[in-house]
């Protein structure tokens, strides 16, 4: 299991996610980095915790604007492996991201307009460079496509495309310090296909949450931000759990 820090980007800055209410997101404040510059924040994650892989949610792109290719390019050039959620990804955007040497393009359920767009994307992007995000709000699938199917039906479709990498995230839990509520869904996906590689997160409070997750569910990664920025998980704890 790996720890994957989250960078939520808005107007070129890192913002703090609050329960998916993006109109309430504000510039991030952290106990280990001054300001909300994305590259400085990423470098602080690496220097303090030894974490070089990032999940980047470009909230401007998710809302329909152009992706912040400058910031994404800076992160890649600085040696970070990044998985990027830019919302609905056109073939043009996919090519731009690949030219930047982005590690993974995230296909978010909340932004998905139809399954044909996924078919078109996998024709030009290797499935190894794609990760499907099952986006939830209080346990219910988000987006026009997500609302039409059960989580199981959606997962079966994704497997049918040859995709095996997932994110399972309930946005209502993000930044709320309430603990994970996605474990049952993660476990059901693994029961459908033991080869699935799943990242989950939202609400991680402390080291005990991470230890408990490792004991009960074989997820591949944990998305985290607030607990690190607020000093609730120390570098020593990260070293013990993830680098020992």
C-alpha atoms as a PDB file:
ATOM      1  CA  UNK A   1       0.000   0.000   0.000  1.00  0.00           C
ATOM      2  CA  UNK A   2       1.307   3.439  -0.923  1.00  0.00           C
ATOM      3  CA  UNK A   3       0.468   6.878   0.400  1.00  0.00           C
ATOM      4  CA  UNK A   4      -0.549   9.291  -2.369  1.00  0.00           C
ATOM      5  CA  UNK A   5      -0.768  12.989  -1.476  1.00  0.00           C
ATOM      6  CA  UNK A   6      -3.538  14.990  -3.131  1.00  0.00           C
ATOM      7  CA  UNK A   7      -3.107  18.378  -4.772  1.00  0.00           C
ATOM      8  CA  UNK A   8      -6.433  20.096  -5.459  1.00  0.00           C
ATOM      9  CA  UNK A   9      -5.652  22.889  -7.927  1.00  0.00           C
ATOM     10  CA  UNK A  10      -7.751  26.002  -8.452  1.00  0.00           C
ATOM     11  CA  UNK A  11      -6.550  29.180 -10.175  1.00  0.00           C
ATOM     12  CA  UNK A  12      -2.990  27.898 -10.069  1.00  0.00           C
ATOM     13  CA  UNK A  13      -2.972  27.329  -6.310  1.00  0.00           C
ATOM     14  CA  UNK A  14      -3.444  24.394  -3.951  1.00  0.00           C
ATOM     15  CA  UNK A  15      -6.805  24.574  -2.192  1.00  0.00           C
ATOM     16  CA  UNK A  16      -8.229  22.621   0.736  1.00  0.00           C
ATOM     17  CA  UNK A  17     -11.036  20.234  -0.182  1.00  0.00           C
ATOM     18  CA  UNK A  18     -14.167  20.419   1.963  1.00  0.00           C
ATOM     19  CA  UNK A  19     -16.814  17.720   1.437  1.00  0.00           C
ATOM     20  CA  UNK A  20     -16.899  18.270  -2.320  1.00  0.00           C
ATOM     21  CA  UNK A  21     -18.344  21.785  -1.888  1.00  0.00           C
ATOM     22  CA  UNK A  22     -15.932  23.342  -4.343  1.00  0.00           C
ATOM     23  CA  UNK A  23     -17.370  26.839  -4.027  1.00  0.00           C
ATOM     24  CA  UNK A  24     -16.117  26.748  -0.428  1.00  0.00           C
ATOM     25  CA  UNK A  25     -12.569  25.614  -1.212  1.00  0.00           C
ATOM     26  CA  UNK A  26      -9.936  28.102  -0.039  1.00  0.00           C
ATOM     27  CA  UNK A  27      -6.165  28.408  -0.393  1.00  0.00           C
ATOM     28  CA  UNK A  28      -4.474  25.613   1.519  1.00  0.00           C
ATOM     29  CA  UNK A  29      -2.762  26.212   4.828  1.00  0.00           C
ATOM     30  CA  UNK A  30      -0.185  23.711   5.996  1.00  0.00           C
ATOM     31  CA  UNK A  31       2.019  23.134   9.009  1.00  0.00           C
ATOM     32  CA  UNK A  32       5.034  22.318   6.820  1.00  0.00           C
ATOM     33  CA  UNK A  33       4.902  24.665   3.817  1.00  0.00           C
ATOM     34  CA  UNK A  34       4.166  28.357   3.564  1.00  0.00           C
ATOM     35  CA  UNK A  35       1.634  29.476   0.990  1.00  0.00           C
ATOM     36  CA  UNK A  36      -0.284  27.403  -1.533  1.00  0.00           C
ATOM     37  CA  UNK A  37       2.115  27.131  -4.466  1.00  0.00           C
ATOM     38  CA  UNK A  38       1.652  23.680  -6.094  1.00  0.00           C
ATOM     39  CA  UNK A  39       5.318  22.942  -6.785  1.00  0.00           C
ATOM     40  CA  UNK A  40       6.441  24.109  -3.353  1.00  0.00           C
ATOM     41  CA  UNK A  41       3.728  21.989  -1.748  1.00  0.00           C
ATOM     42  CA  UNK A  42       4.718  18.932  -3.788  1.00  0.00           C
ATOM     43  CA  UNK A  43       8.386  19.415  -2.921  1.00  0.00           C
ATOM     44  CA  UNK A  44       7.463  19.678   0.758  1.00  0.00           C
ATOM     45  CA  UNK A  45       5.631  16.341   0.543  1.00  0.00           C
ATOM     46  CA  UNK A  46       8.771  14.811  -0.944  1.00  0.00           C
ATOM     47  CA  UNK A  47      11.257  16.401   1.432  1.00  0.00           C
ATOM     48  CA  UNK A  48       9.231  15.836   4.612  1.00  0.00           C
ATOM     49  CA  UNK A  49       7.596  12.483   3.911  1.00  0.00           C
ATOM     50  CA  UNK A  50       9.588  11.000   1.018  1.00  0.00           C
ATOM     51  CA  UNK A  51       6.468  10.931  -1.200  1.00  0.00           C
ATOM     52  CA  UNK A  52       7.052  11.331  -4.934  1.00  0.00           C
ATOM     53  CA  UNK A  53       3.743  10.185  -6.387  1.00  0.00           C
ATOM     54  CA  UNK A  54       0.813  12.611  -6.460  1.00  0.00           C
ATOM     55  CA  UNK A  55      -2.858  12.682  -7.337  1.00  0.00           C
ATOM     56  CA  UNK A  56      -3.718  16.046  -8.890  1.00  0.00           C
ATOM     57  CA  UNK A  57      -7.316  17.204  -9.260  1.00  0.00           C
ATOM     58  CA  UNK A  58      -7.446  20.183 -11.629  1.00  0.00           C
ATOM     59  CA  UNK A  59     -10.689  21.715 -10.381  1.00  0.00           C
ATOM     60  CA  UNK A  60     -10.719  24.404 -13.063  1.00  0.00           C
ATOM     61  CA  UNK A  61     -10.537  21.744 -15.775  1.00  0.00           C
ATOM     62  CA  UNK A  62     -13.186  19.674 -13.989  1.00  0.00           C
ATOM     63  CA  UNK A  63     -15.479  22.717 -14.128  1.00  0.00           C
ATOM     64  CA  UNK A  64     -14.972  23.009 -17.890  1.00  0.00           C
ATOM     65  CA  UNK A  65     -11.915  25.226 -18.257  1.00  0.00           C
ATOM     66  CA  UNK A  66      -8.572  24.293 -19.787  1.00  0.00           C
ATOM     67  CA  UNK A  67      -6.187  22.154 -17.723  1.00  0.00           C
ATOM     68  CA  UNK A  68      -3.282  23.920 -16.047  1.00  0.00           C
ATOM     69  CA  UNK A  69      -0.590  22.454 -18.266  1.00  0.00           C
ATOM     70  CA  UNK A  70       2.044  24.812 -16.855  1.00  0.00           C
ATOM     71  CA  UNK A  71       1.675  23.550 -13.292  1.00  0.00           C
ATOM     72  CA  UNK A  72       1.363  19.932 -14.402  1.00  0.00           C
ATOM     73  CA  UNK A  73       4.490  20.277 -16.526  1.00  0.00           C
ATOM     74  CA  UNK A  74       6.437  21.790 -13.621  1.00  0.00           C
ATOM     75  CA  UNK A  75       5.511  18.865 -11.402  1.00  0.00           C
ATOM     76  CA  UNK A  76       6.624  16.284 -13.976  1.00  0.00           C
ATOM     77  CA  UNK A  77       9.850  18.154 -14.725  1.00  0.00           C
ATOM     78  CA  UNK A  78      10.598  18.195 -10.997  1.00  0.00           C
ATOM     79  CA  UNK A  79      10.510  14.408 -10.864  1.00  0.00           C
ATOM     80  CA  UNK A  80       7.000  13.700  -9.610  1.00  0.00           C
ATOM     81  CA  UNK A  81       4.829  10.888 -10.931  1.00  0.00           C
ATOM     82  CA  UNK A  82       1.354  12.326 -11.201  1.00  0.00           C
ATOM     83  CA  UNK A  83      -2.113  10.974 -11.836  1.00  0.00           C
ATOM     84  CA  UNK A  84      -4.335  13.777 -13.105  1.00  0.00           C
ATOM     85  CA  UNK A  85      -8.088  14.301 -12.969  1.00  0.00           C
ATOM     86  CA  UNK A  86      -8.995  16.974 -15.525  1.00  0.00           C
ATOM     87  CA  UNK A  87     -12.674  16.120 -15.703  1.00  0.00           C
ATOM     88  CA  UNK A  88     -14.052  15.133 -19.093  1.00  0.00           C
ATOM     89  CA  UNK A  89     -10.942  14.372 -21.152  1.00  0.00           C
ATOM     90  CA  UNK A  90     -11.084  15.094 -24.878  1.00  0.00           C
ATOM     91  CA  UNK A  91      -8.670  13.341 -27.204  1.00  0.00           C
ATOM     92  CA  UNK A  92      -6.845  16.658 -27.611  1.00  0.00           C
ATOM     93  CA  UNK A  93      -6.443  17.037 -23.856  1.00  0.00           C
ATOM     94  CA  UNK A  94      -5.325  13.425 -23.552  1.00  0.00           C
ATOM     95  CA  UNK A  95      -2.592  14.037 -26.120  1.00  0.00           C
ATOM     96  CA  UNK A  96      -1.485  17.208 -24.303  1.00  0.00           C
ATOM     97  CA  UNK A  97      -1.216  15.299 -21.037  1.00  0.00           C
ATOM     98  CA  UNK A  98       0.715  12.467 -22.648  1.00  0.00           C
ATOM     99  CA  UNK A  99       3.161  14.953 -24.171  1.00  0.00           C
ATOM    100  CA  UNK A 100       3.836  16.190 -20.637  1.00  0.00           C
ATOM    101  CA  UNK A 101       4.667  12.587 -19.653  1.00  0.00           C
ATOM    102  CA  UNK A 102       1.809  12.391 -17.165  1.00  0.00           C
ATOM    103  CA  UNK A 103       1.897   9.014 -15.417  1.00  0.00           C
ATOM    104  CA  UNK A 104      -1.879   8.408 -15.437  1.00  0.00           C
ATOM    105  CA  UNK A 105      -4.993  10.108 -16.768  1.00  0.00           C
ATOM    106  CA  UNK A 106      -7.965   9.740 -14.464  1.00  0.00           C
ATOM    107  CA  UNK A 107     -11.420   9.122 -15.953  1.00  0.00           C
ATOM    108  CA  UNK A 108     -13.849  10.564 -13.386  1.00  0.00           C
ATOM    109  CA  UNK A 109     -17.357   9.152 -13.167  1.00  0.00           C
ATOM    110  CA  UNK A 110     -18.725  12.534 -12.075  1.00  0.00           C
ATOM    111  CA  UNK A 111     -17.660  14.111 -15.410  1.00  0.00           C
ATOM    112  CA  UNK A 112     -18.481  11.184 -17.698  1.00  0.00           C
ATOM    113  CA  UNK A 113     -21.115  12.031 -20.313  1.00  0.00           C
ATOM    114  CA  UNK A 114     -21.270   8.613 -21.990  1.00  0.00           C
ATOM    115  CA  UNK A 115     -19.346   5.362 -22.273  1.00  0.00           C
ATOM    116  CA  UNK A 116     -18.433   6.043 -25.901  1.00  0.00           C
ATOM    117  CA  UNK A 117     -15.935   8.653 -24.728  1.00  0.00           C
ATOM    118  CA  UNK A 118     -14.136   5.947 -22.740  1.00  0.00           C
ATOM    119  CA  UNK A 119     -14.037   3.711 -25.819  1.00  0.00           C
ATOM    120  CA  UNK A 120     -12.495   6.550 -27.815  1.00  0.00           C
ATOM    121  CA  UNK A 121      -9.954   7.323 -25.119  1.00  0.00           C
ATOM    122  CA  UNK A 122      -8.627   3.776 -24.834  1.00  0.00           C
ATOM    123  CA  UNK A 123      -8.032   3.766 -28.588  1.00  0.00           C
ATOM    124  CA  UNK A 124      -5.335   6.423 -28.159  1.00  0.00           C
ATOM    125  CA  UNK A 125      -4.149   5.968 -24.555  1.00  0.00           C
ATOM    126  CA  UNK A 126      -2.788   2.642 -23.241  1.00  0.00           C
ATOM    127  CA  UNK A 127      -4.995   1.187 -20.530  1.00  0.00           C
ATOM    128  CA  UNK A 128      -1.943   1.089 -18.253  1.00  0.00           C
ATOM    129  CA  UNK A 129      -2.010   4.906 -18.276  1.00  0.00           C
ATOM    130  CA  UNK A 130      -5.687   5.195 -17.325  1.00  0.00           C
ATOM    131  CA  UNK A 131      -7.335   5.045 -13.904  1.00  0.00           C
ATOM    132  CA  UNK A 132     -11.125   5.118 -13.474  1.00  0.00           C
ATOM    133  CA  UNK A 133     -12.508   7.110 -10.558  1.00  0.00           C
ATOM    134  CA  UNK A 134     -15.760   5.969  -8.959  1.00  0.00           C
ATOM    135  CA  UNK A 135     -16.912   9.310  -7.577  1.00  0.00           C
ATOM    136  CA  UNK A 136     -19.528   9.212  -4.846  1.00  0.00           C
ATOM    137  CA  UNK A 137     -21.498  11.719  -2.831  1.00  0.00           C
ATOM    138  CA  UNK A 138     -22.710  10.233   0.450  1.00  0.00           C
ATOM    139  CA  UNK A 139     -22.418   6.754  -1.012  1.00  0.00           C
ATOM    140  CA  UNK A 140     -24.273   7.479  -4.256  1.00  0.00           C
ATOM    141  CA  UNK A 141     -22.567   7.537  -7.680  1.00  0.00           C
ATOM    142  CA  UNK A 142     -22.102  11.014  -9.127  1.00  0.00           C
ATOM    143  CA  UNK A 143     -22.714  12.280 -12.652  1.00  0.00           C
ATOM    144  CA  UNK A 144     -25.272  11.623 -15.353  1.00  0.00           C
ATOM    145  CA  UNK A 145     -23.798   8.216 -16.194  1.00  0.00           C
ATOM    146  CA  UNK A 146     -23.213   7.210 -12.589  1.00  0.00           C
ATOM    147  CA  UNK A 147     -26.797   7.934 -11.601  1.00  0.00           C
ATOM    148  CA  UNK A 148     -28.103   5.492 -14.213  1.00  0.00           C
ATOM    149  CA  UNK A 149     -26.265   2.405 -12.973  1.00  0.00           C
ATOM    150  CA  UNK A 150     -25.314   0.632  -9.791  1.00  0.00           C
ATOM    151  CA  UNK A 151     -21.706   0.749  -8.661  1.00  0.00           C
ATOM    152  CA  UNK A 152     -21.373  -2.908  -9.590  1.00  0.00           C
ATOM    153  CA  UNK A 153     -22.702  -2.299 -13.116  1.00  0.00           C
ATOM    154  CA  UNK A 154     -20.298   0.594 -13.568  1.00  0.00           C
ATOM    155  CA  UNK A 155     -17.391  -1.495 -12.319  1.00  0.00           C
ATOM    156  CA  UNK A 156     -18.261  -4.338 -14.690  1.00  0.00           C
ATOM    157  CA  UNK A 157     -18.247  -1.903 -17.602  1.00  0.00           C
ATOM    158  CA  UNK A 158     -14.845  -0.585 -16.591  1.00  0.00           C
ATOM    159  CA  UNK A 159     -13.401  -4.093 -16.380  1.00  0.00           C
ATOM    160  CA  UNK A 160     -14.922  -4.742 -19.796  1.00  0.00           C
ATOM    161  CA  UNK A 161     -12.766  -1.963 -21.248  1.00  0.00           C
ATOM    162  CA  UNK A 162      -9.669  -3.694 -19.918  1.00  0.00           C
ATOM    163  CA  UNK A 163      -9.153  -1.143 -17.145  1.00  0.00           C
ATOM    164  CA  UNK A 164      -8.111  -2.461 -13.741  1.00  0.00           C
ATOM    165  CA  UNK A 165      -6.953   0.673 -11.903  1.00  0.00           C
ATOM    166  CA  UNK A 166      -9.515   2.526  -9.800  1.00  0.00           C
ATOM    167  CA  UNK A 167     -10.049   5.375  -7.420  1.00  0.00           C
ATOM    168  CA  UNK A 168     -12.954   5.056  -4.990  1.00  0.00           C
ATOM    169  CA  UNK A 169     -13.707   8.399  -3.384  1.00  0.00           C
ATOM    170  CA  UNK A 170     -16.712   9.761  -1.543  1.00  0.00           C
ATOM    171  CA  UNK A 171     -16.381  13.519  -1.910  1.00  0.00           C
ATOM    172  CA  UNK A 172     -18.634  14.141   1.083  1.00  0.00           C
ATOM    173  CA  UNK A 173     -15.861  12.724   3.301  1.00  0.00           C
ATOM    174  CA  UNK A 174     -13.019  14.810   1.872  1.00  0.00           C
ATOM    175  CA  UNK A 175     -11.458  17.126   4.433  1.00  0.00           C
ATOM    176  CA  UNK A 176     -14.067  16.250   7.065  1.00  0.00           C
ATOM    177  CA  UNK A 177     -11.867  14.232   9.445  1.00  0.00           C
ATOM    178  CA  UNK A 178     -14.543  11.568   9.770  1.00  0.00           C
ATOM    179  CA  UNK A 179     -12.763   8.399   8.685  1.00  0.00           C
ATOM    180  CA  UNK A 180     -13.065   6.303   5.537  1.00  0.00           C
ATOM    181  CA  UNK A 181     -16.474   5.117   4.353  1.00  0.00           C
ATOM    182  CA  UNK A 182     -15.484   3.396   1.092  1.00  0.00           C
ATOM    183  CA  UNK A 183     -14.057   0.093   2.324  1.00  0.00           C
ATOM    184  CA  UNK A 184     -17.118  -2.005   1.485  1.00  0.00           C
ATOM    185  CA  UNK A 185     -17.064  -0.788  -2.118  1.00  0.00           C
ATOM    186  CA  UNK A 186     -13.325  -1.367  -2.414  1.00  0.00           C
ATOM    187  CA  UNK A 187     -13.714  -4.895  -1.107  1.00  0.00           C
ATOM    188  CA  UNK A 188     -16.548  -5.659  -3.527  1.00  0.00           C
ATOM    189  CA  UNK A 189     -14.405  -4.518  -6.470  1.00  0.00           C
ATOM    190  CA  UNK A 190     -11.556  -6.765  -5.336  1.00  0.00           C
ATOM    191  CA  UNK A 191     -13.991  -9.672  -5.058  1.00  0.00           C
ATOM    192  CA  UNK A 192     -15.023  -9.054  -8.674  1.00  0.00           C
ATOM    193  CA  UNK A 193     -11.408  -8.966  -9.842  1.00  0.00           C
ATOM    194  CA  UNK A 194      -8.488  -9.689  -7.538  1.00  0.00           C
ATOM    195  CA  UNK A 195      -6.153  -7.955 -10.014  1.00  0.00           C
ATOM    196  CA  UNK A 196      -7.820  -4.575  -9.445  1.00  0.00           C
ATOM    197  CA  UNK A 197      -5.538  -1.823  -8.155  1.00  0.00           C
ATOM    198  CA  UNK A 198      -7.520   0.578  -5.989  1.00  0.00           C
ATOM    199  CA  UNK A 199      -6.759   3.921  -4.433  1.00  0.00           C
ATOM    200  CA  UNK A 200      -9.198   5.253  -1.879  1.00  0.00           C
ATOM    201  CA  UNK A 201      -9.337   8.099   0.592  1.00  0.00           C
ATOM    202  CA  UNK A 202     -11.403  10.886   2.047  1.00  0.00           C
ATOM    203  CA  UNK A 203     -11.616  11.469   5.792  1.00  0.00           C
ATOM    204  CA  UNK A 204      -8.336   9.869   6.884  1.00  0.00           C
ATOM    205  CA  UNK A 205      -7.765  11.171  10.418  1.00  0.00           C
ATOM    206  CA  UNK A 206      -4.571   9.656  11.728  1.00  0.00           C
ATOM    207  CA  UNK A 207      -2.103   6.791  11.646  1.00  0.00           C
ATOM    208  CA  UNK A 208      -4.639   4.452  13.254  1.00  0.00           C
ATOM    209  CA  UNK A 209      -6.951   4.884  10.256  1.00  0.00           C
ATOM    210  CA  UNK A 210      -4.140   3.865   7.927  1.00  0.00           C
ATOM    211  CA  UNK A 211      -3.221   0.847  10.029  1.00  0.00           C
ATOM    212  CA  UNK A 212      -6.858  -0.226  10.190  1.00  0.00           C
ATOM    213  CA  UNK A 213      -7.253   0.098   6.437  1.00  0.00           C
ATOM    214  CA  UNK A 214      -4.224  -2.089   5.815  1.00  0.00           C
ATOM    215  CA  UNK A 215      -5.636  -4.781   8.093  1.00  0.00           C
ATOM    216  CA  UNK A 216      -9.096  -5.033   6.527  1.00  0.00           C
ATOM    217  CA  UNK A 217      -8.734  -4.237   2.820  1.00  0.00           C
ATOM    218  CA  UNK A 218      -6.000  -4.855   0.256  1.00  0.00           C
ATOM    219  CA  UNK A 219      -6.091  -1.471  -1.472  1.00  0.00           C
ATOM    220  CA  UNK A 220      -3.084  -0.344  -3.465  1.00  0.00           C
ATOM    221  CA  UNK A 221      -3.001   3.271  -2.326  1.00  0.00           C
ATOM    222  CA  UNK A 222      -4.461   5.851   0.033  1.00  0.00           C
ATOM    223  CA  UNK A 223      -5.254   9.409  -1.055  1.00  0.00           C
ATOM    224  CA  UNK A 224      -4.495  11.923   1.661  1.00  0.00           C
ATOM    225  CA  UNK A 225      -4.017  15.640   2.203  1.00  0.00           C
ATOM    226  CA  UNK A 226      -5.578  17.266   5.284  1.00  0.00           C
ATOM    227  CA  UNK A 227      -4.136  14.832   7.843  1.00  0.00           C
ATOM    228  CA  UNK A 228      -0.628  15.553   6.554  1.00  0.00           C
ATOM    229  CA  UNK A 229      -1.082  19.324   6.282  1.00  0.00           C
ATOM    230  CA  UNK A 230      -2.548  19.474   9.795  1.00  0.00           C
ATOM    231  CA  UNK A 231       0.289  17.458  11.327  1.00  0.00           C
ATOM    232  CA  UNK A 232      -1.913  14.553  12.402  1.00  0.00           C
ATOM    233  CA  UNK A 233       0.373  12.028  10.721  1.00  0.00           C
ATOM    234  CA  UNK A 234       4.106  12.492  11.257  1.00  0.00           C
ATOM    235  CA  UNK A 235       7.010  11.751   8.907  1.00  0.00           C
ATOM    236  CA  UNK A 236       8.124   9.016  11.310  1.00  0.00           C
ATOM    237  CA  UNK A 237       4.720   7.329  11.083  1.00  0.00           C
ATOM    238  CA  UNK A 238       4.786   7.508   7.284  1.00  0.00           C
ATOM    239  CA  UNK A 239       8.274   6.005   7.281  1.00  0.00           C
ATOM    240  CA  UNK A 240       7.203   3.182   9.580  1.00  0.00           C
ATOM    241  CA  UNK A 241       4.048   2.306   7.650  1.00  0.00           C
ATOM    242  CA  UNK A 242       5.122   2.812   4.059  1.00  0.00           C
ATOM    243  CA  UNK A 243       8.898   2.668   3.794  1.00  0.00           C
ATOM    244  CA  UNK A 244       9.867   0.027   6.342  1.00  0.00           C
END
